[in-house]
N, C-alpha and C. Protein backbone atom coordinates (compact mmCIF):
# COMPACT_ATOMS: atom_id res chain seq x y z
N UNK A 1 33.30 25.72 -13.56
CA UNK A 1 32.32 26.63 -14.07
C UNK A 1 31.47 25.91 -15.10
N UNK A 2 31.96 25.77 -16.33
CA UNK A 2 31.22 25.08 -17.31
C UNK A 2 31.32 23.59 -17.04
N UNK A 3 30.21 22.92 -16.97
CA UNK A 3 30.22 21.51 -16.69
C UNK A 3 30.48 21.21 -15.22
N UNK A 4 30.33 22.21 -14.36
CA UNK A 4 30.65 22.05 -12.96
C UNK A 4 29.68 21.04 -12.30
N UNK A 5 28.40 21.03 -12.71
CA UNK A 5 27.44 20.11 -12.13
C UNK A 5 27.44 18.72 -12.78
N UNK A 6 28.17 18.59 -13.86
CA UNK A 6 28.21 17.31 -14.58
C UNK A 6 29.24 16.38 -13.95
N UNK A 7 29.00 15.10 -13.94
CA UNK A 7 29.99 14.16 -13.39
C UNK A 7 31.19 14.10 -14.32
N UNK A 8 32.32 13.82 -13.68
CA UNK A 8 33.58 13.73 -14.46
C UNK A 8 33.52 12.52 -15.35
N UNK A 9 34.46 12.37 -16.29
CA UNK A 9 34.46 11.31 -17.27
C UNK A 9 34.48 9.95 -16.65
N UNK A 10 35.28 9.69 -15.62
CA UNK A 10 35.42 8.38 -15.04
C UNK A 10 34.17 8.00 -14.21
N UNK A 11 33.54 8.98 -13.56
CA UNK A 11 32.42 8.72 -12.69
C UNK A 11 31.09 8.64 -13.44
N UNK A 12 31.04 9.13 -14.66
CA UNK A 12 29.79 9.18 -15.42
C UNK A 12 29.16 7.83 -15.61
N UNK A 13 29.85 6.78 -16.04
CA UNK A 13 29.15 5.49 -16.19
C UNK A 13 28.62 4.93 -14.89
N UNK A 14 29.33 5.10 -13.76
CA UNK A 14 28.86 4.58 -12.47
C UNK A 14 27.66 5.40 -12.01
N UNK A 15 27.66 6.69 -12.21
CA UNK A 15 26.52 7.53 -11.80
C UNK A 15 25.29 7.18 -12.64
N UNK A 16 25.55 6.95 -13.94
CA UNK A 16 24.44 6.61 -14.81
C UNK A 16 23.87 5.25 -14.46
N UNK A 17 24.71 4.27 -14.08
CA UNK A 17 24.23 2.97 -13.66
C UNK A 17 23.43 3.10 -12.38
N UNK A 18 23.93 3.93 -11.43
CA UNK A 18 23.16 4.11 -10.21
C UNK A 18 21.81 4.74 -10.44
N UNK A 19 21.80 5.73 -11.32
CA UNK A 19 20.52 6.37 -11.64
C UNK A 19 19.55 5.39 -12.32
N UNK A 20 20.05 4.55 -13.20
CA UNK A 20 19.22 3.56 -13.87
C UNK A 20 18.69 2.53 -12.87
N UNK A 21 19.50 2.10 -11.92
CA UNK A 21 19.02 1.20 -10.89
C UNK A 21 17.93 1.84 -10.04
N UNK A 22 18.13 3.09 -9.67
CA UNK A 22 17.12 3.82 -8.85
C UNK A 22 15.82 3.94 -9.64
N UNK A 23 15.88 4.26 -10.91
CA UNK A 23 14.68 4.35 -11.72
C UNK A 23 13.98 3.01 -11.82
N UNK A 24 14.70 1.96 -12.02
CA UNK A 24 14.11 0.60 -12.13
C UNK A 24 13.48 0.22 -10.79
N UNK A 25 14.14 0.51 -9.68
CA UNK A 25 13.60 0.19 -8.35
C UNK A 25 12.29 0.97 -8.15
N UNK A 26 12.30 2.25 -8.51
CA UNK A 26 11.06 3.06 -8.36
C UNK A 26 9.94 2.51 -9.23
N UNK A 27 10.32 2.10 -10.45
CA UNK A 27 9.29 1.57 -11.39
C UNK A 27 8.68 0.27 -10.83
N UNK A 28 9.51 -0.58 -10.27
CA UNK A 28 9.01 -1.84 -9.70
C UNK A 28 8.09 -1.57 -8.52
N UNK A 29 8.47 -0.61 -7.70
CA UNK A 29 7.66 -0.28 -6.51
C UNK A 29 6.29 0.29 -6.95
N UNK A 30 6.27 1.12 -7.95
CA UNK A 30 5.03 1.69 -8.45
C UNK A 30 4.15 0.57 -9.05
N UNK A 31 4.75 -0.34 -9.81
CA UNK A 31 3.99 -1.45 -10.37
C UNK A 31 3.39 -2.37 -9.30
N UNK A 32 4.18 -2.67 -8.26
CA UNK A 32 3.67 -3.52 -7.17
C UNK A 32 2.49 -2.83 -6.43
N UNK A 33 2.69 -1.52 -6.18
CA UNK A 33 1.65 -0.76 -5.50
C UNK A 33 0.36 -0.70 -6.33
N UNK A 34 0.55 -0.46 -7.63
CA UNK A 34 -0.60 -0.42 -8.52
C UNK A 34 -1.37 -1.73 -8.53
N UNK A 35 -0.62 -2.83 -8.59
CA UNK A 35 -1.23 -4.15 -8.54
C UNK A 35 -2.02 -4.39 -7.24
N UNK A 36 -1.43 -3.96 -6.12
CA UNK A 36 -2.11 -4.14 -4.83
C UNK A 36 -3.38 -3.36 -4.74
N UNK A 37 -3.34 -2.09 -5.24
CA UNK A 37 -4.51 -1.27 -5.22
C UNK A 37 -5.59 -1.82 -6.13
N UNK A 38 -5.20 -2.26 -7.32
CA UNK A 38 -6.16 -2.86 -8.25
C UNK A 38 -6.77 -4.11 -7.65
N UNK A 39 -5.98 -4.96 -7.01
CA UNK A 39 -6.52 -6.14 -6.32
C UNK A 39 -7.49 -5.80 -5.21
N UNK A 40 -7.16 -4.75 -4.45
CA UNK A 40 -8.05 -4.37 -3.37
C UNK A 40 -9.38 -3.81 -3.92
N UNK A 41 -9.32 -3.07 -4.97
CA UNK A 41 -10.54 -2.54 -5.60
C UNK A 41 -11.37 -3.70 -6.12
N UNK A 42 -10.70 -4.62 -6.82
CA UNK A 42 -11.41 -5.79 -7.37
C UNK A 42 -12.04 -6.61 -6.28
N UNK A 43 -11.34 -6.78 -5.13
CA UNK A 43 -11.92 -7.55 -4.03
C UNK A 43 -13.14 -6.81 -3.42
N UNK A 44 -13.07 -5.50 -3.40
CA UNK A 44 -14.18 -4.73 -2.88
C UNK A 44 -15.40 -4.70 -3.80
N UNK A 45 -15.21 -5.02 -5.06
CA UNK A 45 -16.34 -5.03 -6.02
C UNK A 45 -17.03 -6.40 -6.10
N UNK A 46 -16.57 -7.39 -5.40
CA UNK A 46 -17.21 -8.70 -5.43
C UNK A 46 -18.59 -8.58 -4.80
N UNK A 47 -19.51 -9.41 -5.17
CA UNK A 47 -20.88 -9.36 -4.65
C UNK A 47 -20.89 -9.38 -3.11
N UNK A 48 -21.66 -8.44 -2.56
CA UNK A 48 -21.76 -8.38 -1.08
C UNK A 48 -20.68 -7.55 -0.40
N UNK A 49 -19.68 -7.13 -1.11
CA UNK A 49 -18.57 -6.34 -0.52
C UNK A 49 -18.94 -4.87 -0.58
N UNK A 50 -18.21 -4.03 0.17
CA UNK A 50 -18.59 -2.62 0.32
C UNK A 50 -18.73 -1.86 -1.02
N UNK A 51 -17.83 -1.97 -1.92
CA UNK A 51 -17.94 -1.24 -3.20
C UNK A 51 -19.15 -1.69 -4.01
N UNK A 52 -19.44 -2.99 -3.94
CA UNK A 52 -20.63 -3.51 -4.65
C UNK A 52 -21.89 -2.92 -4.04
N UNK A 53 -21.96 -2.91 -2.71
CA UNK A 53 -23.13 -2.40 -2.02
C UNK A 53 -23.30 -0.89 -2.32
N UNK A 54 -22.20 -0.17 -2.28
CA UNK A 54 -22.25 1.28 -2.57
C UNK A 54 -22.74 1.53 -3.97
N UNK A 55 -22.25 0.80 -4.93
CA UNK A 55 -22.73 1.02 -6.31
C UNK A 55 -24.17 0.61 -6.46
N UNK A 56 -24.66 -0.41 -5.78
CA UNK A 56 -26.06 -0.77 -5.85
C UNK A 56 -26.92 0.32 -5.24
N UNK A 57 -26.47 0.87 -4.11
CA UNK A 57 -27.27 1.94 -3.50
C UNK A 57 -27.31 3.17 -4.36
N UNK A 58 -26.20 3.48 -5.00
CA UNK A 58 -26.16 4.65 -5.88
C UNK A 58 -27.07 4.47 -7.10
N UNK A 59 -27.12 3.27 -7.65
CA UNK A 59 -28.01 2.99 -8.75
C UNK A 59 -29.50 3.03 -8.36
N UNK A 60 -29.77 2.57 -7.13
CA UNK A 60 -31.14 2.52 -6.65
C UNK A 60 -31.67 3.92 -6.32
N UNK A 61 -30.85 4.78 -5.73
CA UNK A 61 -31.33 6.08 -5.31
C UNK A 61 -30.26 7.14 -5.64
N UNK A 62 -30.09 7.48 -6.92
CA UNK A 62 -29.06 8.42 -7.28
C UNK A 62 -29.20 9.83 -6.65
N UNK A 63 -30.42 10.30 -6.54
CA UNK A 63 -30.61 11.59 -5.94
C UNK A 63 -30.30 11.60 -4.43
N UNK A 64 -30.67 10.55 -3.76
CA UNK A 64 -30.34 10.44 -2.36
C UNK A 64 -28.83 10.37 -2.14
N UNK A 65 -28.19 9.59 -2.99
CA UNK A 65 -26.71 9.46 -2.92
C UNK A 65 -26.01 10.78 -3.16
N UNK A 66 -26.53 11.55 -4.10
CA UNK A 66 -25.94 12.85 -4.41
C UNK A 66 -26.14 13.78 -3.20
N UNK A 67 -27.27 13.75 -2.58
CA UNK A 67 -27.54 14.60 -1.42
C UNK A 67 -26.62 14.22 -0.28
N UNK A 68 -26.46 12.97 -0.01
CA UNK A 68 -25.58 12.53 1.06
C UNK A 68 -24.16 12.93 0.76
N UNK A 69 -23.71 12.73 -0.45
CA UNK A 69 -22.31 13.09 -0.80
C UNK A 69 -22.12 14.62 -0.67
N UNK A 70 -23.13 15.40 -1.04
CA UNK A 70 -23.02 16.83 -0.90
C UNK A 70 -22.92 17.24 0.55
N UNK A 71 -23.76 16.66 1.41
CA UNK A 71 -23.78 17.06 2.82
C UNK A 71 -22.48 16.57 3.49
N UNK A 72 -21.98 15.43 3.10
CA UNK A 72 -20.72 14.95 3.64
C UNK A 72 -19.57 15.84 3.22
N UNK A 73 -19.52 16.23 1.95
CA UNK A 73 -18.49 17.16 1.49
C UNK A 73 -18.56 18.54 2.16
N UNK A 74 -19.76 19.01 2.33
CA UNK A 74 -19.97 20.28 3.02
C UNK A 74 -19.49 20.21 4.44
N UNK A 75 -19.80 19.15 5.13
CA UNK A 75 -19.37 18.97 6.51
C UNK A 75 -17.85 18.89 6.61
N UNK A 76 -17.24 18.17 5.74
CA UNK A 76 -15.77 18.05 5.79
C UNK A 76 -15.11 19.35 5.43
N UNK A 77 -15.63 20.05 4.43
CA UNK A 77 -15.03 21.34 4.04
C UNK A 77 -15.26 22.40 5.11
N UNK A 78 -16.33 22.33 5.82
CA UNK A 78 -16.61 23.32 6.84
C UNK A 78 -15.67 23.21 8.02
N UNK A 79 -15.19 22.02 8.34
CA UNK A 79 -14.26 21.82 9.46
C UNK A 79 -12.96 22.50 9.21
N UNK A 80 -12.55 22.67 7.99
CA UNK A 80 -11.24 23.25 7.69
C UNK A 80 -11.39 24.70 7.66
């Protein structure tokens, strides 16, 4: 009843160690994924790459970009 969900005295250190290992593994996975995403974004921002071109187009014609984004969002939302 009381303490029913808690690990027993002998199992507590091993359960704690397993939980710590799981947390560390998850942390490493998140860090690796974050690095990959950041590298991909950085690669896309290089001159002549898609993100660079998109930002240039948005700076050159902000109203046109806003209109296109609105129409694209409207079209996608309408399908659902």
